[in-house]
Amino acid sequence: MLRGSKRYSEADLLRATGLKIGSQVTAADLQKCAGLLNGTGVFLSVQYLYKRRSNQQRREADFDLTTAPQFLPAVFDNFLWFSNEQLQKALHDDLPCTTASCR
């Protein structure tokens, strides 16, 4: 579970990390995902807790994110052949956790 971000959907955050709900991961995988989220620059903190589910052999990971409070607007003034909406969509498709992909 990825929680704490009001700016990005859980689907976008999962896509940014490459994680899939229900997949098997190692502690190293979780550390790598935390590093990816932290490297986006849009979070003040990225923490995760790896725990055993009650009455099961499976484990789960919960990510707690703190979104940075301020963002500068993205301005696209030199792309005359693309609309702002087209640029926003292209950025979001390639980089789900960019400030340009905020909803």
PDB file of N, CA and C in Angstrom:
ATOM      1  N   MET A   1       0.837  -1.170   0.000  1.00  0.00           N
ATOM      2  CA  MET A   1       0.000   0.000   0.000  1.00  0.00           C
ATOM      3  C   MET A   1       0.887   1.239   0.000  1.00  0.00           C
ATOM      4  N   LEU A   2       0.535   2.181  -0.824  1.00  0.00           N
ATOM      5  CA  LEU A   2       1.241   3.460  -0.885  1.00  0.00           C
ATOM      6  C   LEU A   2       0.270   4.525  -0.394  1.00  0.00           C
ATOM      7  N   ARG A   3       0.603   5.174   0.695  1.00  0.00           N
ATOM      8  CA  ARG A   3      -0.329   6.157   1.246  1.00  0.00           C
ATOM      9  C   ARG A   3       0.404   7.435   1.642  1.00  0.00           C
ATOM     10  N   GLY A   4      -0.371   8.496   1.725  1.00  0.00           N
ATOM     11  CA  GLY A   4       0.168   9.769   2.158  1.00  0.00           C
ATOM     12  C   GLY A   4       0.287  10.798   1.052  1.00  0.00           C
ATOM     13  N   SER A   5       0.117  10.392  -0.194  1.00  0.00           N
ATOM     14  CA  SER A   5       0.221  11.347  -1.297  1.00  0.00           C
ATOM     15  C   SER A   5      -1.167  11.738  -1.773  1.00  0.00           C
ATOM     16  N   LYS A   6      -1.450  13.017  -1.699  1.00  0.00           N
ATOM     17  CA  LYS A   6      -2.712  13.528  -2.234  1.00  0.00           C
ATOM     18  C   LYS A   6      -2.545  13.992  -3.674  1.00  0.00           C
ATOM     19  N   ARG A   7      -1.323  14.083  -4.114  1.00  0.00           N
ATOM     20  CA  ARG A   7      -1.012  14.599  -5.436  1.00  0.00           C
ATOM     21  C   ARG A   7      -1.022  13.509  -6.507  1.00  0.00           C
ATOM     22  N   TYR A   8      -0.677  12.286  -6.137  1.00  0.00           N
ATOM     23  CA  TYR A   8      -0.551  11.195  -7.104  1.00  0.00           C
ATOM     24  C   TYR A   8      -1.437  10.028  -6.707  1.00  0.00           C
ATOM     25  N   SER A   9      -1.965   9.347  -7.697  1.00  0.00           N
ATOM     26  CA  SER A   9      -2.779   8.167  -7.426  1.00  0.00           C
ATOM     27  C   SER A   9      -1.870   6.994  -7.066  1.00  0.00           C
ATOM     28  N   GLU A  10      -2.444   6.010  -6.390  1.00  0.00           N
ATOM     29  CA  GLU A  10      -1.665   4.819  -6.051  1.00  0.00           C
ATOM     30  C   GLU A  10      -1.213   4.105  -7.320  1.00  0.00           C
ATOM     31  N   ALA A  11      -2.046   4.117  -8.351  1.00  0.00           N
ATOM     32  CA  ALA A  11      -1.674   3.481  -9.618  1.00  0.00           C
ATOM     33  C   ALA A  11      -0.437   4.143 -10.222  1.00  0.00           C
ATOM     34  N   ASP A  12      -0.377   5.477 -10.189  1.00  0.00           N
ATOM     35  CA  ASP A  12       0.797   6.183 -10.716  1.00  0.00           C
ATOM     36  C   ASP A  12       2.038   5.879  -9.890  1.00  0.00           C
ATOM     37  N   LEU A  13       1.873   5.816  -8.582  1.00  0.00           N
ATOM     38  CA  LEU A  13       3.018   5.525  -7.716  1.00  0.00           C
ATOM     39  C   LEU A  13       3.513   4.095  -7.932  1.00  0.00           C
ATOM     40  N   LEU A  14       2.582   3.164  -8.080  1.00  0.00           N
ATOM     41  CA  LEU A  14       2.988   1.786  -8.363  1.00  0.00           C
ATOM     42  C   LEU A  14       3.730   1.697  -9.688  1.00  0.00           C
ATOM     43  N   ARG A  15       3.213   2.397 -10.681  1.00  0.00           N
ATOM     44  CA  ARG A  15       3.867   2.382 -11.991  1.00  0.00           C
ATOM     45  C   ARG A  15       5.265   2.980 -11.909  1.00  0.00           C
ATOM     46  N   ALA A  16       5.433   4.015 -11.087  1.00  0.00           N
ATOM     47  CA  ALA A  16       6.750   4.651 -10.940  1.00  0.00           C
ATOM     48  C   ALA A  16       7.756   3.702 -10.288  1.00  0.00           C
ATOM     49  N   THR A  17       7.281   2.833  -9.402  1.00  0.00           N
ATOM     50  CA  THR A  17       8.190   1.918  -8.713  1.00  0.00           C
ATOM     51  C   THR A  17       8.382   0.607  -9.466  1.00  0.00           C
ATOM     52  N   GLY A  18       7.418   0.260 -10.298  1.00  0.00           N
ATOM     53  CA  GLY A  18       7.470  -1.028 -10.974  1.00  0.00           C
ATOM     54  C   GLY A  18       6.875  -2.155 -10.151  1.00  0.00           C
ATOM     55  N   LEU A  19       6.361  -1.839  -8.957  1.00  0.00           N
ATOM     56  CA  LEU A  19       5.742  -2.856  -8.113  1.00  0.00           C
ATOM     57  C   LEU A  19       4.369  -3.246  -8.651  1.00  0.00           C
ATOM     58  N   LYS A  20       3.973  -4.470  -8.350  1.00  0.00           N
ATOM     59  CA  LYS A  20       2.641  -4.953  -8.691  1.00  0.00           C
ATOM     60  C   LYS A  20       2.030  -5.514  -7.416  1.00  0.00           C
ATOM     61  N   ILE A  21       0.794  -5.141  -7.134  1.00  0.00           N
ATOM     62  CA  ILE A  21       0.124  -5.644  -5.947  1.00  0.00           C
ATOM     63  C   ILE A  21       0.012  -7.161  -6.049  1.00  0.00           C
ATOM     64  N   GLY A  22       0.389  -7.845  -4.982  1.00  0.00           N
ATOM     65  CA  GLY A  22       0.330  -9.294  -4.943  1.00  0.00           C
ATOM     66  C   GLY A  22       1.585  -9.988  -5.424  1.00  0.00           C
ATOM     67  N   SER A  23       2.562  -9.234  -5.950  1.00  0.00           N
ATOM     68  CA  SER A  23       3.796  -9.855  -6.441  1.00  0.00           C
ATOM     69  C   SER A  23       4.758 -10.101  -5.278  1.00  0.00           C
ATOM     70  N   GLN A  24       5.677 -10.987  -5.490  1.00  0.00           N
ATOM     71  CA  GLN A  24       6.681 -11.285  -4.490  1.00  0.00           C
ATOM     72  C   GLN A  24       7.870 -10.343  -4.672  1.00  0.00           C
ATOM     73  N   VAL A  25       8.317  -9.771  -3.575  1.00  0.00           N
ATOM     74  CA  VAL A  25       9.464  -8.866  -3.603  1.00  0.00           C
ATOM     75  C   VAL A  25      10.389  -9.193  -2.442  1.00  0.00           C
ATOM     76  N   THR A  26      11.605  -8.756  -2.579  1.00  0.00           N
ATOM     77  CA  THR A  26      12.587  -8.911  -1.508  1.00  0.00           C
ATOM     78  C   THR A  26      12.764  -7.582  -0.789  1.00  0.00           C
ATOM     79  N   ALA A  27      13.471  -7.624   0.324  1.00  0.00           N
ATOM     80  CA  ALA A  27      13.779  -6.385   1.042  1.00  0.00           C
ATOM     81  C   ALA A  27      14.582  -5.446   0.156  1.00  0.00           C
ATOM     82  N   ALA A  28      15.468  -5.996  -0.675  1.00  0.00           N
ATOM     83  CA  ALA A  28      16.258  -5.175  -1.601  1.00  0.00           C
ATOM     84  C   ALA A  28      15.356  -4.508  -2.641  1.00  0.00           C
ATOM     85  N   ASP A  29      14.323  -5.217  -3.103  1.00  0.00           N
ATOM     86  CA  ASP A  29      13.368  -4.626  -4.046  1.00  0.00           C
ATOM     87  C   ASP A  29      12.655  -3.434  -3.426  1.00  0.00           C
ATOM     88  N   LEU A  30      12.252  -3.580  -2.171  1.00  0.00           N
ATOM     89  CA  LEU A  30      11.557  -2.485  -1.487  1.00  0.00           C
ATOM     90  C   LEU A  30      12.477  -1.287  -1.295  1.00  0.00           C
ATOM     91  N   GLN A  31      13.738  -1.560  -0.951  1.00  0.00           N
ATOM     92  CA  GLN A  31      14.705  -0.476  -0.793  1.00  0.00           C
ATOM     93  C   GLN A  31      14.907   0.254  -2.118  1.00  0.00           C
ATOM     94  N   LYS A  32      14.976  -0.503  -3.202  1.00  0.00           N
ATOM     95  CA  LYS A  32      15.130   0.102  -4.523  1.00  0.00           C
ATOM     96  C   LYS A  32      13.921   0.976  -4.868  1.00  0.00           C
ATOM     97  N   CYS A  33      12.718   0.485  -4.568  1.00  0.00           N
ATOM     98  CA  CYS A  33      11.500   1.254  -4.849  1.00  0.00           C
ATOM     99  C   CYS A  33      11.455   2.534  -4.017  1.00  0.00           C
ATOM    100  N   ALA A  34      11.849   2.430  -2.759  1.00  0.00           N
ATOM    101  CA  ALA A  34      11.897   3.622  -1.913  1.00  0.00           C
ATOM    102  C   ALA A  34      12.880   4.628  -2.490  1.00  0.00           C
ATOM    103  N   GLY A  35      14.014   4.141  -2.987  1.00  0.00           N
ATOM    104  CA  GLY A  35      14.990   5.028  -3.615  1.00  0.00           C
ATOM    105  C   GLY A  35      14.457   5.680  -4.874  1.00  0.00           C
ATOM    106  N   LEU A  36      13.697   4.924  -5.666  1.00  0.00           N
ATOM    107  CA  LEU A  36      13.095   5.498  -6.878  1.00  0.00           C
ATOM    108  C   LEU A  36      12.124   6.617  -6.536  1.00  0.00           C
ATOM    109  N   LEU A  37      11.263   6.376  -5.549  1.00  0.00           N
ATOM    110  CA  LEU A  37      10.298   7.401  -5.143  1.00  0.00           C
ATOM    111  C   LEU A  37      11.006   8.613  -4.555  1.00  0.00           C
ATOM    112  N   ASN A  38      12.006   8.369  -3.729  1.00  0.00           N
ATOM    113  CA  ASN A  38      12.765   9.468  -3.137  1.00  0.00           C
ATOM    114  C   ASN A  38      13.497  10.266  -4.211  1.00  0.00           C
ATOM    115  N   GLY A  39      13.966   9.583  -5.242  1.00  0.00           N
ATOM    116  CA  GLY A  39      14.708  10.238  -6.317  1.00  0.00           C
ATOM    117  C   GLY A  39      13.867  11.117  -7.221  1.00  0.00           C
ATOM    118  N   THR A  40      12.550  10.996  -7.137  1.00  0.00           N
ATOM    119  CA  THR A  40      11.696  11.858  -7.964  1.00  0.00           C
ATOM    120  C   THR A  40      11.762  13.314  -7.524  1.00  0.00           C
ATOM    121  N   GLY A  41      12.097  13.532  -6.255  1.00  0.00           N
ATOM    122  CA  GLY A  41      12.159  14.896  -5.743  1.00  0.00           C
ATOM    123  C   GLY A  41      10.822  15.469  -5.334  1.00  0.00           C
ATOM    124  N   VAL A  42       9.759  14.688  -5.428  1.00  0.00           N
ATOM    125  CA  VAL A  42       8.441  15.223  -5.081  1.00  0.00           C
ATOM    126  C   VAL A  42       7.996  14.829  -3.677  1.00  0.00           C
ATOM    127  N   PHE A  43       8.829  14.067  -2.957  1.00  0.00           N
ATOM    128  CA  PHE A  43       8.470  13.650  -1.603  1.00  0.00           C
ATOM    129  C   PHE A  43       9.506  14.128  -0.603  1.00  0.00           C
ATOM    130  N   LEU A  44       9.028  14.637   0.531  1.00  0.00           N
ATOM    131  CA  LEU A  44       9.935  15.016   1.614  1.00  0.00           C
ATOM    132  C   LEU A  44      10.477  13.782   2.304  1.00  0.00           C
ATOM    133  N   SER A  45       9.637  12.763   2.425  1.00  0.00           N
ATOM    134  CA  SER A  45      10.100  11.523   3.034  1.00  0.00           C
ATOM    135  C   SER A  45       9.406  10.332   2.396  1.00  0.00           C
ATOM    136  N   VAL A  46      10.127   9.240   2.344  1.00  0.00           N
ATOM    137  CA  VAL A  46       9.625   7.963   1.836  1.00  0.00           C
ATOM    138  C   VAL A  46      10.053   6.905   2.844  1.00  0.00           C
ATOM    139  N   GLN A  47       9.073   6.275   3.485  1.00  0.00           N
ATOM    140  CA  GLN A  47       9.371   5.230   4.453  1.00  0.00           C
ATOM    141  C   GLN A  47       8.510   4.018   4.132  1.00  0.00           C
ATOM    142  N   TYR A  48       9.005   2.850   4.463  1.00  0.00           N
ATOM    143  CA  TYR A  48       8.189   1.657   4.272  1.00  0.00           C
ATOM    144  C   TYR A  48       8.351   0.721   5.455  1.00  0.00           C
ATOM    145  N   LEU A  49       7.325  -0.066   5.671  1.00  0.00           N
ATOM    146  CA  LEU A  49       7.308  -1.064   6.728  1.00  0.00           C
ATOM    147  C   LEU A  49       6.978  -2.400   6.089  1.00  0.00           C
ATOM    148  N   TYR A  50       7.819  -3.364   6.320  1.00  0.00           N
ATOM    149  CA  TYR A  50       7.684  -4.708   5.774  1.00  0.00           C
ATOM    150  C   TYR A  50       7.203  -5.586   6.924  1.00  0.00           C
ATOM    151  N   LYS A  51       5.991  -6.158   6.825  1.00  0.00           N
ATOM    152  CA  LYS A  51       5.429  -6.887   7.956  1.00  0.00           C
ATOM    153  C   LYS A  51       4.703  -8.147   7.514  1.00  0.00           C
ATOM    154  N   ARG A  52       4.553  -9.059   8.434  1.00  0.00           N
ATOM    155  CA  ARG A  52       3.832 -10.305   8.190  1.00  0.00           C
ATOM    156  C   ARG A  52       2.340 -10.048   8.358  1.00  0.00           C
ATOM    157  N   ARG A  53       1.564 -10.575   7.431  1.00  0.00           N
ATOM    158  CA  ARG A  53       0.113 -10.489   7.563  1.00  0.00           C
ATOM    159  C   ARG A  53      -0.340 -11.454   8.653  1.00  0.00           C
ATOM    160  N   SER A  54      -1.332 -11.072   9.406  1.00  0.00           N
ATOM    161  CA  SER A  54      -1.803 -11.928  10.491  1.00  0.00           C
ATOM    162  C   SER A  54      -2.323 -13.262   9.956  1.00  0.00           C
ATOM    163  N   ASN A  55      -1.949 -14.329  10.631  1.00  0.00           N
ATOM    164  CA  ASN A  55      -2.385 -15.686  10.309  1.00  0.00           C
ATOM    165  C   ASN A  55      -1.993 -16.156   8.914  1.00  0.00           C
ATOM    166  N   GLN A  56      -0.968 -15.570   8.318  1.00  0.00           N
ATOM    167  CA  GLN A  56      -0.543 -15.986   6.985  1.00  0.00           C
ATOM    168  C   GLN A  56       0.977 -15.990   6.912  1.00  0.00           C
ATOM    169  N   GLN A  57       1.494 -16.727   5.957  1.00  0.00           N
ATOM    170  CA  GLN A  57       2.936 -16.751   5.723  1.00  0.00           C
ATOM    171  C   GLN A  57       3.378 -15.551   4.891  1.00  0.00           C
ATOM    172  N   ARG A  58       2.411 -14.924   4.238  1.00  0.00           N
ATOM    173  CA  ARG A  58       2.750 -13.798   3.360  1.00  0.00           C
ATOM    174  C   ARG A  58       3.128 -12.569   4.166  1.00  0.00           C
ATOM    175  N   ARG A  59       3.895 -11.725   3.515  1.00  0.00           N
ATOM    176  CA  ARG A  59       4.269 -10.438   4.108  1.00  0.00           C
ATOM    177  C   ARG A  59       3.766  -9.332   3.191  1.00  0.00           C
ATOM    178  N   GLU A  60       3.655  -8.164   3.723  1.00  0.00           N
ATOM    179  CA  GLU A  60       3.228  -7.021   2.916  1.00  0.00           C
ATOM    180  C   GLU A  60       4.067  -5.814   3.280  1.00  0.00           C
ATOM    181  N   ALA A  61       4.066  -4.869   2.381  1.00  0.00           N
ATOM    182  CA  ALA A  61       4.824  -3.635   2.597  1.00  0.00           C
ATOM    183  C   ALA A  61       3.878  -2.447   2.479  1.00  0.00           C
ATOM    184  N   ASP A  62       3.997  -1.542   3.424  1.00  0.00           N
ATOM    185  CA  ASP A  62       3.255  -0.287   3.390  1.00  0.00           C
ATOM    186  C   ASP A  62       4.253   0.848   3.246  1.00  0.00           C
ATOM    187  N   PHE A  63       4.035   1.682   2.240  1.00  0.00           N
ATOM    188  CA  PHE A  63       4.868   2.862   2.033  1.00  0.00           C
ATOM    189  C   PHE A  63       4.125   4.079   2.566  1.00  0.00           C
ATOM    190  N   ASP A  64       4.792   4.877   3.373  1.00  0.00           N
ATOM    191  CA  ASP A  64       4.242   6.148   3.856  1.00  0.00           C
ATOM    192  C   ASP A  64       5.028   7.268   3.200  1.00  0.00           C
ATOM    193  N   LEU A  65       4.310   8.115   2.495  1.00  0.00           N
ATOM    194  CA  LEU A  65       4.932   9.188   1.717  1.00  0.00           C
ATOM    195  C   LEU A  65       4.497  10.540   2.259  1.00  0.00           C
ATOM    196  N   THR A  66       5.412  11.477   2.264  1.00  0.00           N
ATOM    197  CA  THR A  66       5.095  12.865   2.597  1.00  0.00           C
ATOM    198  C   THR A  66       5.439  13.703   1.378  1.00  0.00           C
ATOM    199  N   THR A  67       4.405  14.248   0.745  1.00  0.00           N
ATOM    200  CA  THR A  67       4.603  15.036  -0.470  1.00  0.00           C
ATOM    201  C   THR A  67       5.192  16.391  -0.117  1.00  0.00           C
ATOM    202  N   ALA A  68       6.112  16.851  -0.937  1.00  0.00           N
ATOM    203  CA  ALA A  68       6.691  18.183  -0.760  1.00  0.00           C
ATOM    204  C   ALA A  68       5.576  19.225  -0.831  1.00  0.00           C
ATOM    205  N   PRO A  69       5.647  20.264  -0.009  1.00  0.00           N
ATOM    206  CA  PRO A  69       4.533  21.224   0.055  1.00  0.00           C
ATOM    207  C   PRO A  69       4.444  22.190  -1.120  1.00  0.00           C
ATOM    208  N   GLN A  70       5.538  22.450  -1.773  1.00  0.00           N
ATOM    209  CA  GLN A  70       5.505  23.456  -2.838  1.00  0.00           C
ATOM    210  C   GLN A  70       6.087  22.900  -4.128  1.00  0.00           C
ATOM    211  N   PHE A  71       5.449  23.285  -5.212  1.00  0.00           N
ATOM    212  CA  PHE A  71       5.917  22.900  -6.534  1.00  0.00           C
ATOM    213  C   PHE A  71       5.916  24.133  -7.418  1.00  0.00           C
ATOM    214  N   LEU A  72       6.859  24.224  -8.288  1.00  0.00           N
ATOM    215  CA  LEU A  72       6.861  25.293  -9.277  1.00  0.00           C
ATOM    216  C   LEU A  72       6.085  24.816 -10.492  1.00  0.00           C
ATOM    217  N   PRO A  73       5.351  25.703 -11.130  1.00  0.00           N
ATOM    218  CA  PRO A  73       4.591  25.279 -12.310  1.00  0.00           C
ATOM    219  C   PRO A  73       5.514  24.977 -13.488  1.00  0.00           C
ATOM    220  N   ALA A  74       5.118  23.996 -14.267  1.00  0.00           N
ATOM    221  CA  ALA A  74       5.839  23.696 -15.505  1.00  0.00           C
ATOM    222  C   ALA A  74       5.280  24.590 -16.599  1.00  0.00           C
ATOM    223  N   VAL A  75       6.164  25.262 -17.307  1.00  0.00           N
ATOM    224  CA  VAL A  75       5.752  26.161 -18.388  1.00  0.00           C
ATOM    225  C   VAL A  75       6.376  25.654 -19.679  1.00  0.00           C
ATOM    226  N   PHE A  76       5.535  25.447 -20.672  1.00  0.00           N
ATOM    227  CA  PHE A  76       5.994  24.952 -21.963  1.00  0.00           C
ATOM    228  C   PHE A  76       5.759  26.047 -23.003  1.00  0.00           C
ATOM    229  N   ASP A  77       6.696  26.954 -23.114  1.00  0.00           N
ATOM    230  CA  ASP A  77       6.471  28.091 -24.008  1.00  0.00           C
ATOM    231  C   ASP A  77       7.213  27.979 -25.335  1.00  0.00           C
ATOM    232  N   ASN A  78       7.961  26.897 -25.531  1.00  0.00           N
ATOM    233  CA  ASN A  78       8.735  26.772 -26.758  1.00  0.00           C
ATOM    234  C   ASN A  78       8.345  25.519 -27.552  1.00  0.00           C
ATOM    235  N   PHE A  79       7.152  25.013 -27.297  1.00  0.00           N
ATOM    236  CA  PHE A  79       6.639  23.834 -27.997  1.00  0.00           C
ATOM    237  C   PHE A  79       5.354  24.224 -28.707  1.00  0.00           C
ATOM    238  N   LEU A  80       5.477  25.027 -29.701  1.00  0.00           N
ATOM    239  CA  LEU A  80       4.309  25.588 -30.368  1.00  0.00           C
ATOM    240  C   LEU A  80       3.455  24.535 -31.058  1.00  0.00           C
ATOM    241  N   TRP A  81       4.045  23.427 -31.439  1.00  0.00           N
ATOM    242  CA  TRP A  81       3.311  22.414 -32.202  1.00  0.00           C
ATOM    243  C   TRP A  81       2.583  21.426 -31.298  1.00  0.00           C
ATOM    244  N   PHE A  82       2.733  21.549 -29.961  1.00  0.00           N
ATOM    245  CA  PHE A  82       2.017  20.694 -29.007  1.00  0.00           C
ATOM    246  C   PHE A  82       1.186  21.563 -28.077  1.00  0.00           C
ATOM    247  N   SER A  83       0.013  21.083 -27.724  1.00  0.00           N
ATOM    248  CA  SER A  83      -0.783  21.798 -26.722  1.00  0.00           C
ATOM    249  C   SER A  83      -0.254  21.441 -25.334  1.00  0.00           C
ATOM    250  N   ASN A  84      -0.599  22.254 -24.333  1.00  0.00           N
ATOM    251  CA  ASN A  84      -0.190  21.946 -22.963  1.00  0.00           C
ATOM    252  C   ASN A  84      -0.722  20.586 -22.531  1.00  0.00           C
ATOM    253  N   GLU A  85      -1.957  20.260 -22.945  1.00  0.00           N
ATOM    254  CA  GLU A  85      -2.564  18.985 -22.584  1.00  0.00           C
ATOM    255  C   GLU A  85      -1.772  17.812 -23.179  1.00  0.00           C
ATOM    256  N   GLN A  86      -1.332  17.953 -24.426  1.00  0.00           N
ATOM    257  CA  GLN A  86      -0.534  16.897 -25.056  1.00  0.00           C
ATOM    258  C   GLN A  86       0.795  16.700 -24.329  1.00  0.00           C
ATOM    259  N   LEU A  87       1.427  17.795 -23.949  1.00  0.00           N
ATOM    260  CA  LEU A  87       2.697  17.711 -23.228  1.00  0.00           C
ATOM    261  C   LEU A  87       2.501  17.095 -21.844  1.00  0.00           C
ATOM    262  N   GLN A  88       1.442  17.515 -21.161  1.00  0.00           N
ATOM    263  CA  GLN A  88       1.152  16.959 -19.832  1.00  0.00           C
ATOM    264  C   GLN A  88       0.930  15.446 -19.918  1.00  0.00           C
ATOM    265  N   LYS A  89       0.160  15.017 -20.917  1.00  0.00           N
ATOM    266  CA  LYS A  89      -0.130  13.587 -21.083  1.00  0.00           C
ATOM    267  C   LYS A  89       1.146  12.813 -21.403  1.00  0.00           C
ATOM    268  N   ALA A  90       1.971  13.338 -22.290  1.00  0.00           N
ATOM    269  CA  ALA A  90       3.218  12.663 -22.658  1.00  0.00           C
ATOM    270  C   ALA A  90       4.142  12.529 -21.443  1.00  0.00           C
ATOM    271  N   LEU A  91       4.237  13.575 -20.644  1.00  0.00           N
ATOM    272  CA  LEU A  91       5.059  13.513 -19.443  1.00  0.00           C
ATOM    273  C   LEU A  91       4.507  12.491 -18.460  1.00  0.00           C
ATOM    274  N   HIS A  92       3.190  12.514 -18.265  1.00  0.00           N
ATOM    275  CA  HIS A  92       2.563  11.587 -17.328  1.00  0.00           C
ATOM    276  C   HIS A  92       2.738  10.140 -17.783  1.00  0.00           C
ATOM    277  N   ASP A  93       2.631   9.890 -19.082  1.00  0.00           N
ATOM    278  CA  ASP A  93       2.786   8.530 -19.599  1.00  0.00           C
ATOM    279  C   ASP A  93       4.192   7.995 -19.363  1.00  0.00           C
ATOM    280  N   ASP A  94       5.198   8.861 -19.517  1.00  0.00           N
ATOM    281  CA  ASP A  94       6.585   8.438 -19.369  1.00  0.00           C
ATOM    282  C   ASP A  94       7.098   8.554 -17.936  1.00  0.00           C
ATOM    283  N   LEU A  95       6.614   9.547 -17.217  1.00  0.00           N
ATOM    284  CA  LEU A  95       7.102   9.835 -15.851  1.00  0.00           C
ATOM    285  C   LEU A  95       5.911  10.059 -14.926  1.00  0.00           C
ATOM    286  N   PRO A  96       5.342   9.010 -14.359  1.00  0.00           N
ATOM    287  CA  PRO A  96       4.112   9.164 -13.578  1.00  0.00           C
ATOM    288  C   PRO A  96       4.249  10.044 -12.349  1.00  0.00           C
ATOM    289  N   CYS A  97       5.433  10.256 -11.835  1.00  0.00           N
ATOM    290  CA  CYS A  97       5.605  11.071 -10.633  1.00  0.00           C
ATOM    291  C   CYS A  97       6.361  12.355 -10.891  1.00  0.00           C
ATOM    292  N   THR A  98       6.056  13.007 -11.992  1.00  0.00           N
ATOM    293  CA  THR A  98       6.653  14.313 -12.234  1.00  0.00           C
ATOM    294  C   THR A  98       5.686  15.378 -11.749  1.00  0.00           C
ATOM    295  N   THR A  99       6.207  16.548 -11.491  1.00  0.00           N
ATOM    296  CA  THR A  99       5.331  17.629 -11.052  1.00  0.00           C
ATOM    297  C   THR A  99       4.387  18.025 -12.174  1.00  0.00           C
ATOM    298  N   ALA A 100       4.755  17.772 -13.415  1.00  0.00           N
ATOM    299  CA  ALA A 100       3.877  18.101 -14.532  1.00  0.00           C
ATOM    300  C   ALA A 100       2.678  17.168 -14.609  1.00  0.00           C
ATOM    301  N   SER A 101       2.761  15.998 -13.967  1.00  0.00           N
ATOM    302  CA  SER A 101       1.665  15.055 -14.055  1.00  0.00           C
ATOM    303  C   SER A 101       0.690  15.162 -12.899  1.00  0.00           C
ATOM    304  N   CYS A 102       0.795  16.206 -12.130  1.00  0.00           N
ATOM    305  CA  CYS A 102      -0.112  16.395 -10.986  1.00  0.00           C
ATOM    306  C   CYS A 102      -1.552  16.509 -11.482  1.00  0.00           C
ATOM    307  N   ARG A 103      -2.438  15.996 -10.679  1.00  0.00           N
ATOM    308  CA  ARG A 103      -3.854  16.060 -11.046  1.00  0.00           C
ATOM    309  C   ARG A 103      -4.583  17.002 -10.146  1.00  0.00           C
TER     310      ARG A 103
END
